[in-house]
Amino acid sequence: KGNWTYLQDLLVRQGFARVDGITTPLPDDKRSVETYLSQLRD
């Protein structure tokens, strides 16, 4: 309730998706694409 995240974050965290492919900047997100990709890889 009140906590939002991107579906890809949940899928990667639970091991149901891999980090690969083309990226796009996230709307209204202060992280750079590089920072976000680093977090997803972690």
All heavy atoms as atom14 arrays in JSON, in Angstrom:
{
  "sequence": "KGNWTYLQDLLVRQGFARVDGITTPLPDDKRSVETYLSQLRD",
  "atom14_mask": [
    [1, 1, 1, 1, 1, 1, 1, 1, 1, 0, 0, 0, 0, 0],
    [1, 1, 1, 1, 0, 0, 0, 0, 0, 0, 0, 0, 0, 0],
    [1, 1, 1, 1, 1, 1, 1, 1, 0, 0, 0, 0, 0, 0],
    [1, 1, 1, 1, 1, 1, 1, 1, 1, 1, 1, 1, 1, 1],
    [1, 1, 1, 1, 1, 1, 1, 0, 0, 0, 0, 0, 0, 0],
    [1, 1, 1, 1, 1, 1, 1, 1, 1, 1, 1, 1, 0, 0],
    [1, 1, 1, 1, 1, 1, 1, 1, 0, 0, 0, 0, 0, 0],
    [1, 1, 1, 1, 1, 1, 1, 1, 1, 0, 0, 0, 0, 0],
    [1, 1, 1, 1, 1, 1, 1, 1, 0, 0, 0, 0, 0, 0],
    [1, 1, 1, 1, 1, 1, 1, 1, 0, 0, 0, 0, 0, 0],
    [1, 1, 1, 1, 1, 1, 1, 1, 0, 0, 0, 0, 0, 0],
    [1, 1, 1, 1, 1, 1, 1, 0, 0, 0, 0, 0, 0, 0],
    [1, 1, 1, 1, 1, 1, 1, 1, 1, 1, 1, 0, 0, 0],
    [1, 1, 1, 1, 1, 1, 1, 1, 1, 0, 0, 0, 0, 0],
    [1, 1, 1, 1, 0, 0, 0, 0, 0, 0, 0, 0, 0, 0],
    [1, 1, 1, 1, 1, 1, 1, 1, 1, 1, 1, 0, 0, 0],
    [1, 1, 1, 1, 1, 0, 0, 0, 0, 0, 0, 0, 0, 0],
    [1, 1, 1, 1, 1, 1, 1, 1, 1, 1, 1, 0, 0, 0],
    [1, 1, 1, 1, 1, 1, 1, 0, 0, 0, 0, 0, 0, 0],
    [1, 1, 1, 1, 1, 1, 1, 1, 0, 0, 0, 0, 0, 0],
    [1, 1, 1, 1, 0, 0, 0, 0, 0, 0, 0, 0, 0, 0],
    [1, 1, 1, 1, 1, 1, 1, 1, 0, 0, 0, 0, 0, 0],
    [1, 1, 1, 1, 1, 1, 1, 0, 0, 0, 0, 0, 0, 0],
    [1, 1, 1, 1, 1, 1, 1, 0, 0, 0, 0, 0, 0, 0],
    [1, 1, 1, 1, 1, 1, 1, 0, 0, 0, 0, 0, 0, 0],
    [1, 1, 1, 1, 1, 1, 1, 1, 0, 0, 0, 0, 0, 0],
    [1, 1, 1, 1, 1, 1, 1, 0, 0, 0, 0, 0, 0, 0],
    [1, 1, 1, 1, 1, 1, 1, 1, 0, 0, 0, 0, 0, 0],
    [1, 1, 1, 1, 1, 1, 1, 1, 0, 0, 0, 0, 0, 0],
    [1, 1, 1, 1, 1, 1, 1, 1, 1, 0, 0, 0, 0, 0],
    [1, 1, 1, 1, 1, 1, 1, 1, 1, 1, 1, 0, 0, 0],
    [1, 1, 1, 1, 1, 1, 0, 0, 0, 0, 0, 0, 0, 0],
    [1, 1, 1, 1, 1, 1, 1, 0, 0, 0, 0, 0, 0, 0],
    [1, 1, 1, 1, 1, 1, 1, 1, 1, 0, 0, 0, 0, 0],
    [1, 1, 1, 1, 1, 1, 1, 0, 0, 0, 0, 0, 0, 0],
    [1, 1, 1, 1, 1, 1, 1, 1, 1, 1, 1, 1, 0, 0],
    [1, 1, 1, 1, 1, 1, 1, 1, 0, 0, 0, 0, 0, 0],
    [1, 1, 1, 1, 1, 1, 0, 0, 0, 0, 0, 0, 0, 0],
    [1, 1, 1, 1, 1, 1, 1, 1, 1, 0, 0, 0, 0, 0],
    [1, 1, 1, 1, 1, 1, 1, 1, 0, 0, 0, 0, 0, 0],
    [1, 1, 1, 1, 1, 1, 1, 1, 1, 1, 1, 0, 0, 0],
    [1, 1, 1, 1, 1, 1, 1, 1, 0, 0, 0, 0, 0, 0]
  ],
  "atom14_positions": [
    [[0.83, -1.2, 0.0], [0.0, 0.0, 0.0], [0.87, 1.26, 0.0], [1.67, 1.48, 0.91], [-0.9, -0.01, 1.23], [-1.87, 1.12, 1.3], [-3.08, 0.84, 0.46], [-4.13, 1.91, 0.75], [-5.12, 1.95, -0.24], [0.0, 0.0, 0.0], [0.0, 0.0, 0.0], [0.0, 0.0, 0.0], [0.0, 0.0, 0.0], [0.0, 0.0, 0.0]],
    [[0.81, 2.04, -1.08], [1.55, 3.29, -1.18], [3.0, 3.16, -1.64], [3.67, 4.15, -1.83], [0.0, 0.0, 0.0], [0.0, 0.0, 0.0], [0.0, 0.0, 0.0], [0.0, 0.0, 0.0], [0.0, 0.0, 0.0], [0.0, 0.0, 0.0], [0.0, 0.0, 0.0], [0.0, 0.0, 0.0], [0.0, 0.0, 0.0], [0.0, 0.0, 0.0]],
    [[3.49, 1.92, -1.83], [4.87, 1.7, -2.28], [4.87, 1.16, -3.7], [4.31, 0.1, -3.97], [5.59, 0.71, -1.35], [5.85, 1.29, 0.0], [6.23, 2.44, 0.13], [5.61, 0.5, 1.03], [0.0, 0.0, 0.0], [0.0, 0.0, 0.0], [0.0, 0.0, 0.0], [0.0, 0.0, 0.0], [0.0, 0.0, 0.0], [0.0, 0.0, 0.0]],
    [[5.51, 1.89, -4.58], [5.54, 1.56, -6.0], [6.96, 1.23, -6.44], [7.92, 1.8, -5.95], [5.03, 2.74, -6.82], [3.59, 3.02, -6.59], [3.05, 3.73, -5.55], [2.51, 2.6, -7.39], [1.68, 3.77, -5.66], [1.32, 3.08, -6.79], [2.41, 1.85, -8.56], [0.06, 2.85, -7.32], [1.15, 1.63, -9.1], [0.0, 2.12, -8.47]],
    [[7.07, 0.3, -7.38], [8.35, -0.03, -7.98], [8.09, -0.53, -9.39], [6.96, -0.85, -9.75], [9.12, -1.08, -7.15], [10.47, -1.13, -7.61], [8.5, -2.46, -7.24], [0.0, 0.0, 0.0], [0.0, 0.0, 0.0], [0.0, 0.0, 0.0], [0.0, 0.0, 0.0], [0.0, 0.0, 0.0], [0.0, 0.0, 0.0], [0.0, 0.0, 0.0]],
    [[9.15, -0.61, -10.18], [9.01, -1.13, -11.53], [8.92, -2.65, -11.5], [9.6, -3.31, -10.72], [10.2, -0.69, -12.4], [10.18, 0.78, -12.67], [10.98, 1.65, -11.95], [9.33, 1.31, -13.63], [10.95, 3.01, -12.18], [9.28, 2.68, -13.87], [10.09, 3.52, -13.14], [10.03, 4.86, -13.36], [0.0, 0.0, 0.0], [0.0, 0.0, 0.0]],
    [[8.07, -3.21, -12.35], [7.9, -4.65, -12.42], [9.23, -5.35, -12.66], [9.5, -6.39, -12.06], [6.89, -5.02, -13.51], [6.63, -6.5, -13.71], [6.08, -7.14, -12.43], [5.67, -6.7, -14.87], [0.0, 0.0, 0.0], [0.0, 0.0, 0.0], [0.0, 0.0, 0.0], [0.0, 0.0, 0.0], [0.0, 0.0, 0.0], [0.0, 0.0, 0.0]],
    [[10.08, -4.77, -13.5], [11.37, -5.41, -13.78], [12.22, -5.54, -12.52], [12.94, -6.51, -12.36], [12.14, -4.71, -14.9], [12.58, -3.31, -14.6], [11.69, -2.24, -15.18], [10.54, -2.5, -15.52], [12.19, -1.03, -15.31], [0.0, 0.0, 0.0], [0.0, 0.0, 0.0], [0.0, 0.0, 0.0], [0.0, 0.0, 0.0], [0.0, 0.0, 0.0]],
    [[12.11, -4.58, -11.6], [12.86, -4.68, -10.34], [12.41, -5.9, -9.55], [13.24, -6.66, -9.04], [12.64, -3.43, -9.47], [13.27, -2.18, -10.05], [13.92, -2.26, -11.11], [13.11, -1.12, -9.43], [0.0, 0.0, 0.0], [0.0, 0.0, 0.0], [0.0, 0.0, 0.0], [0.0, 0.0, 0.0], [0.0, 0.0, 0.0], [0.0, 0.0, 0.0]],
    [[11.1, -6.08, -9.44], [10.58, -7.22, -8.69], [10.97, -8.54, -9.34], [11.37, -9.49, -8.66], [9.05, -7.14, -8.57], [8.49, -5.98, -7.77], [6.96, -6.0, -7.81], [8.97, -6.03, -6.33], [0.0, 0.0, 0.0], [0.0, 0.0, 0.0], [0.0, 0.0, 0.0], [0.0, 0.0, 0.0], [0.0, 0.0, 0.0], [0.0, 0.0, 0.0]],
    [[10.86, -8.61, -10.67], [11.19, -9.84, -11.37], [12.67, -10.2, -11.23], [13.01, -11.36, -10.99], [10.8, -9.74, -12.85], [9.31, -9.64, -13.12], [9.06, -9.39, -14.61], [8.58, -10.89, -12.66], [0.0, 0.0, 0.0], [0.0, 0.0, 0.0], [0.0, 0.0, 0.0], [0.0, 0.0, 0.0], [0.0, 0.0, 0.0], [0.0, 0.0, 0.0]],
    [[13.55, -9.22, -11.36], [14.99, -9.48, -11.23], [15.32, -9.88, -9.8], [16.07, -10.84, -9.57], [15.82, -8.25, -11.67], [17.29, -8.41, -11.3], [15.68, -8.03, -13.17], [0.0, 0.0, 0.0], [0.0, 0.0, 0.0], [0.0, 0.0, 0.0], [0.0, 0.0, 0.0], [0.0, 0.0, 0.0], [0.0, 0.0, 0.0], [0.0, 0.0, 0.0]],
    [[14.77, -9.18, -8.81], [15.04, -9.51, -7.4], [14.63, -10.92, -7.04], [15.28, -11.58, -6.24], [14.28, -8.54, -6.48], [14.89, -7.2, -6.37], [14.1, -6.36, -5.37], [14.4, -4.97, -5.56], [13.53, -3.98, -5.46], [12.28, -4.23, -5.13], [13.9, -2.74, -5.64], [0.0, 0.0, 0.0], [0.0, 0.0, 0.0], [0.0, 0.0, 0.0]],
    [[13.54, -11.4, -7.64], [13.04, -12.74, -7.33], [13.64, -13.82, -8.24], [13.29, -14.98, -8.12], [11.52, -12.76, -7.43], [10.84, -11.92, -6.37], [11.19, -12.39, -4.96], [11.15, -13.57, -4.66], [11.55, -11.46, -4.1], [0.0, 0.0, 0.0], [0.0, 0.0, 0.0], [0.0, 0.0, 0.0], [0.0, 0.0, 0.0], [0.0, 0.0, 0.0]],
    [[14.5, -13.41, -9.16], [15.16, -14.38, -10.03], [14.32, -14.83, -11.21], [14.58, -15.89, -11.78], [0.0, 0.0, 0.0], [0.0, 0.0, 0.0], [0.0, 0.0, 0.0], [0.0, 0.0, 0.0], [0.0, 0.0, 0.0], [0.0, 0.0, 0.0], [0.0, 0.0, 0.0], [0.0, 0.0, 0.0], [0.0, 0.0, 0.0], [0.0, 0.0, 0.0]],
    [[13.34, -14.04, -11.63], [12.48, -14.42, -12.75], [12.76, -13.6, -14.01], [11.99, -13.67, -14.97], [11.01, -14.3, -12.36], [10.61, -15.31, -11.33], [10.25, -14.92, -10.06], [10.63, -16.67, -11.63], [9.89, -15.85, -9.11], [10.28, -17.61, -10.68], [9.91, -17.2, -9.41], [0.0, 0.0, 0.0], [0.0, 0.0, 0.0], [0.0, 0.0, 0.0]],
    [[13.82, -12.81, -13.99], [14.21, -12.04, -15.17], [15.71, -11.81, -15.1], [16.31, -11.87, -14.04], [13.47, -10.7, -15.21], [0.0, 0.0, 0.0], [0.0, 0.0, 0.0], [0.0, 0.0, 0.0], [0.0, 0.0, 0.0], [0.0, 0.0, 0.0], [0.0, 0.0, 0.0], [0.0, 0.0, 0.0], [0.0, 0.0, 0.0], [0.0, 0.0, 0.0]],
    [[16.3, -11.56, -16.24], [17.73, -11.25, -16.28], [17.92, -9.84, -16.81], [17.02, -9.28, -17.44], [18.49, -12.27, -17.11], [18.05, -12.34, -18.54], [18.7, -13.51, -19.25], [18.2, -13.59, -20.6], [18.92, -13.3, -21.66], [20.18, -12.95, -21.54], [18.4, -13.38, -22.86], [0.0, 0.0, 0.0], [0.0, 0.0, 0.0], [0.0, 0.0, 0.0]],
    [[19.06, -9.29, -16.55], [19.38, -7.93, -16.99], [20.09, -8.04, -18.33], [21.19, -8.55, -18.41], [20.26, -7.2, -15.96], [20.54, -5.77, -16.41], [19.62, -7.23, -14.58], [0.0, 0.0, 0.0], [0.0, 0.0, 0.0], [0.0, 0.0, 0.0], [0.0, 0.0, 0.0], [0.0, 0.0, 0.0], [0.0, 0.0, 0.0], [0.0, 0.0, 0.0]],
    [[19.42, -7.55, -19.38], [19.98, -7.67, -20.72], [19.17, -6.76, -21.63], [18.05, -6.38, -21.32], [19.88, -9.11, -21.2], [20.69, -9.38, -22.45], [21.63, -8.61, -22.73], [20.4, -10.37, -23.14], [0.0, 0.0, 0.0], [0.0, 0.0, 0.0], [0.0, 0.0, 0.0], [0.0, 0.0, 0.0], [0.0, 0.0, 0.0], [0.0, 0.0, 0.0]],
    [[19.75, -6.39, -22.73], [19.0, -5.66, -23.74], [19.16, -4.16, -23.66], [20.05, -3.62, -23.01], [0.0, 0.0, 0.0], [0.0, 0.0, 0.0], [0.0, 0.0, 0.0], [0.0, 0.0, 0.0], [0.0, 0.0, 0.0], [0.0, 0.0, 0.0], [0.0, 0.0, 0.0], [0.0, 0.0, 0.0], [0.0, 0.0, 0.0], [0.0, 0.0, 0.0]],
    [[18.25, -3.49, -24.31], [18.28, -2.05, -24.46], [17.63, -1.39, -23.26], [16.66, -1.9, -22.71], [17.54, -1.66, -25.75], [18.24, -2.32, -26.94], [17.5, -0.16, -25.93], [17.43, -2.27, -28.2], [0.0, 0.0, 0.0], [0.0, 0.0, 0.0], [0.0, 0.0, 0.0], [0.0, 0.0, 0.0], [0.0, 0.0, 0.0], [0.0, 0.0, 0.0]],
    [[18.13, -0.26, -22.87], [17.57, 0.46, -21.73], [17.02, 1.81, -22.16], [17.36, 2.32, -23.22], [18.64, 0.7, -20.64], [19.67, 1.48, -21.22], [19.2, -0.6, -20.13], [0.0, 0.0, 0.0], [0.0, 0.0, 0.0], [0.0, 0.0, 0.0], [0.0, 0.0, 0.0], [0.0, 0.0, 0.0], [0.0, 0.0, 0.0], [0.0, 0.0, 0.0]],
    [[16.19, 2.36, -21.32], [15.65, 3.69, -21.53], [15.64, 4.4, -20.18], [15.48, 3.75, -19.15], [14.23, 3.63, -22.14], [13.8, 4.94, -22.48], [13.23, 3.01, -21.2], [0.0, 0.0, 0.0], [0.0, 0.0, 0.0], [0.0, 0.0, 0.0], [0.0, 0.0, 0.0], [0.0, 0.0, 0.0], [0.0, 0.0, 0.0], [0.0, 0.0, 0.0]],
    [[15.83, 5.71, -20.17], [15.73, 6.43, -18.88], [14.36, 6.22, -18.25], [13.35, 6.13, -18.94], [15.94, 7.89, -19.28], [16.66, 7.84, -20.59], [16.17, 6.6, -21.27], [0.0, 0.0, 0.0], [0.0, 0.0, 0.0], [0.0, 0.0, 0.0], [0.0, 0.0, 0.0], [0.0, 0.0, 0.0], [0.0, 0.0, 0.0], [0.0, 0.0, 0.0]],
    [[14.34, 6.12, -16.94], [13.08, 5.93, -16.23], [12.39, 7.27, -16.02], [13.03, 8.24, -15.62], [13.35, 5.28, -14.88], [14.07, 3.94, -14.92], [14.42, 3.48, -13.52], [13.23, 2.9, -15.65], [0.0, 0.0, 0.0], [0.0, 0.0, 0.0], [0.0, 0.0, 0.0], [0.0, 0.0, 0.0], [0.0, 0.0, 0.0], [0.0, 0.0, 0.0]],
    [[11.09, 7.34, -16.29], [10.37, 8.61, -16.12], [10.37, 9.05, -14.65], [10.18, 8.24, -13.76], [8.95, 8.29, -16.58], [8.98, 6.92, -17.14], [10.25, 6.28, -16.76], [0.0, 0.0, 0.0], [0.0, 0.0, 0.0], [0.0, 0.0, 0.0], [0.0, 0.0, 0.0], [0.0, 0.0, 0.0], [0.0, 0.0, 0.0], [0.0, 0.0, 0.0]],
    [[10.59, 10.32, -14.43], [10.55, 10.9, -13.08], [11.45, 10.18, -12.08], [11.13, 10.11, -10.9], [9.12, 10.93, -12.54], [8.2, 11.78, -13.41], [8.69, 12.8, -13.94], [7.03, 11.43, -13.57], [0.0, 0.0, 0.0], [0.0, 0.0, 0.0], [0.0, 0.0, 0.0], [0.0, 0.0, 0.0], [0.0, 0.0, 0.0], [0.0, 0.0, 0.0]],
    [[12.56, 9.62, -12.55], [13.48, 8.91, -11.67], [14.81, 9.64, -11.72], [15.32, 9.94, -12.8], [13.64, 7.47, -12.15], [14.25, 6.57, -11.11], [15.38, 6.84, -10.68], [13.59, 5.59, -10.71], [0.0, 0.0, 0.0], [0.0, 0.0, 0.0], [0.0, 0.0, 0.0], [0.0, 0.0, 0.0], [0.0, 0.0, 0.0], [0.0, 0.0, 0.0]],
    [[15.37, 9.94, -10.57], [16.6, 10.73, -10.52], [17.86, 9.9, -10.81], [18.92, 10.46, -11.04], [16.73, 11.38, -9.14], [15.67, 12.45, -8.91], [15.83, 13.08, -7.54], [14.97, 14.28, -7.37], [13.6, 14.14, -7.18], [0.0, 0.0, 0.0], [0.0, 0.0, 0.0], [0.0, 0.0, 0.0], [0.0, 0.0, 0.0], [0.0, 0.0, 0.0]],
    [[17.74, 8.57, -10.83], [18.91, 7.73, -11.11], [19.28, 7.8, -12.59], [18.41, 7.85, -13.46], [18.62, 6.28, -10.76], [18.37, 6.05, -9.3], [17.93, 4.63, -9.04], [16.56, 4.46, -9.54], [15.87, 3.35, -9.41], [16.39, 2.3, -8.81], [14.64, 3.26, -9.88], [0.0, 0.0, 0.0], [0.0, 0.0, 0.0], [0.0, 0.0, 0.0]],
    [[20.59, 7.76, -12.85], [21.04, 7.67, -14.23], [20.8, 6.23, -14.71], [20.62, 5.31, -13.91], [22.53, 8.0, -14.34], [23.3, 6.98, -13.72], [0.0, 0.0, 0.0], [0.0, 0.0, 0.0], [0.0, 0.0, 0.0], [0.0, 0.0, 0.0], [0.0, 0.0, 0.0], [0.0, 0.0, 0.0], [0.0, 0.0, 0.0], [0.0, 0.0, 0.0]],
    [[20.81, 6.04, -16.02], [20.65, 4.7, -16.58], [21.75, 3.79, -16.05], [21.49, 2.65, -15.67], [20.64, 4.75, -18.13], [20.7, 3.35, -18.7], [19.43, 5.49, -18.64], [0.0, 0.0, 0.0], [0.0, 0.0, 0.0], [0.0, 0.0, 0.0], [0.0, 0.0, 0.0], [0.0, 0.0, 0.0], [0.0, 0.0, 0.0], [0.0, 0.0, 0.0]],
    [[22.96, 4.29, -15.97], [24.1, 3.5, -15.48], [23.9, 3.07, -14.02], [24.15, 1.93, -13.65], [25.41, 4.26, -15.63], [25.83, 4.51, -17.07], [25.08, 5.67, -17.73], [24.48, 6.51, -17.01], [25.07, 5.72, -18.97], [0.0, 0.0, 0.0], [0.0, 0.0, 0.0], [0.0, 0.0, 0.0], [0.0, 0.0, 0.0], [0.0, 0.0, 0.0]],
    [[23.44, 4.0, -13.18], [23.19, 3.69, -11.78], [22.09, 2.64, -11.65], [22.21, 1.68, -10.89], [22.8, 4.96, -10.99], [23.9, 5.87, -11.05], [22.46, 4.65, -9.55], [0.0, 0.0, 0.0], [0.0, 0.0, 0.0], [0.0, 0.0, 0.0], [0.0, 0.0, 0.0], [0.0, 0.0, 0.0], [0.0, 0.0, 0.0], [0.0, 0.0, 0.0]],
    [[21.02, 2.83, -12.39], [19.91, 1.89, -12.34], [20.34, 0.5, -12.8], [20.03, -0.51, -12.16], [18.74, 2.4, -13.18], [17.55, 1.49, -13.14], [16.9, 1.22, -11.95], [17.08, 0.88, -14.29], [15.81, 0.37, -11.9], [15.99, 0.04, -14.27], [15.36, -0.22, -13.07], [14.29, -1.06, -13.02], [0.0, 0.0, 0.0], [0.0, 0.0, 0.0]],
    [[21.09, 0.43, -13.9], [21.58, -0.87, -14.38], [22.48, -1.55, -13.35], [22.41, -2.76, -13.16], [22.32, -0.71, -15.7], [21.46, -0.59, -16.94], [22.32, -0.28, -18.16], [20.66, -1.86, -17.16], [0.0, 0.0, 0.0], [0.0, 0.0, 0.0], [0.0, 0.0, 0.0], [0.0, 0.0, 0.0], [0.0, 0.0, 0.0], [0.0, 0.0, 0.0]],
    [[23.31, -0.77, -12.69], [24.18, -1.31, -11.65], [23.34, -1.92, -10.52], [23.64, -3.01, -10.02], [25.11, -0.23, -11.12], [25.89, -0.71, -10.07], [0.0, 0.0, 0.0], [0.0, 0.0, 0.0], [0.0, 0.0, 0.0], [0.0, 0.0, 0.0], [0.0, 0.0, 0.0], [0.0, 0.0, 0.0], [0.0, 0.0, 0.0], [0.0, 0.0, 0.0]],
    [[22.28, -1.22, -10.13], [21.4, -1.74, -9.08], [20.7, -3.02, -9.52], [20.6, -3.98, -8.76], [20.39, -0.68, -8.67], [21.0, 0.49, -7.94], [20.03, 1.64, -7.73], [18.96, 1.7, -8.32], [20.42, 2.57, -6.87], [0.0, 0.0, 0.0], [0.0, 0.0, 0.0], [0.0, 0.0, 0.0], [0.0, 0.0, 0.0], [0.0, 0.0, 0.0]],
    [[20.23, -3.05, -10.76], [19.59, -4.25, -11.28], [20.57, -5.42, -11.31], [20.22, -6.55, -10.96], [19.03, -4.02, -12.68], [17.69, -3.33, -12.79], [17.3, -3.16, -14.27], [16.6, -4.08, -12.06], [0.0, 0.0, 0.0], [0.0, 0.0, 0.0], [0.0, 0.0, 0.0], [0.0, 0.0, 0.0], [0.0, 0.0, 0.0], [0.0, 0.0, 0.0]],
    [[21.8, -5.16, -11.74], [22.82, -6.23, -11.77], [23.12, -6.75, -10.38], [23.33, -7.95, -10.19], [24.08, -5.72, -12.46], [23.9, -5.56, -13.95], [25.18, -5.15, -14.65], [24.91, -4.92, -16.05], [25.04, -3.75, -16.66], [25.46, -2.69, -15.99], [24.77, -3.62, -17.93], [0.0, 0.0, 0.0], [0.0, 0.0, 0.0], [0.0, 0.0, 0.0]],
    [[23.12, -5.87, -9.38], [23.3, -6.3, -7.99], [22.15, -7.2, -7.56], [22.37, -8.24, -6.93], [23.41, -5.1, -7.05], [24.71, -4.35, -7.17], [25.67, -4.89, -7.76], [24.76, -3.2, -6.68], [0.0, 0.0, 0.0], [0.0, 0.0, 0.0], [0.0, 0.0, 0.0], [0.0, 0.0, 0.0], [0.0, 0.0, 0.0], [0.0, 0.0, 0.0]]
  ]
}
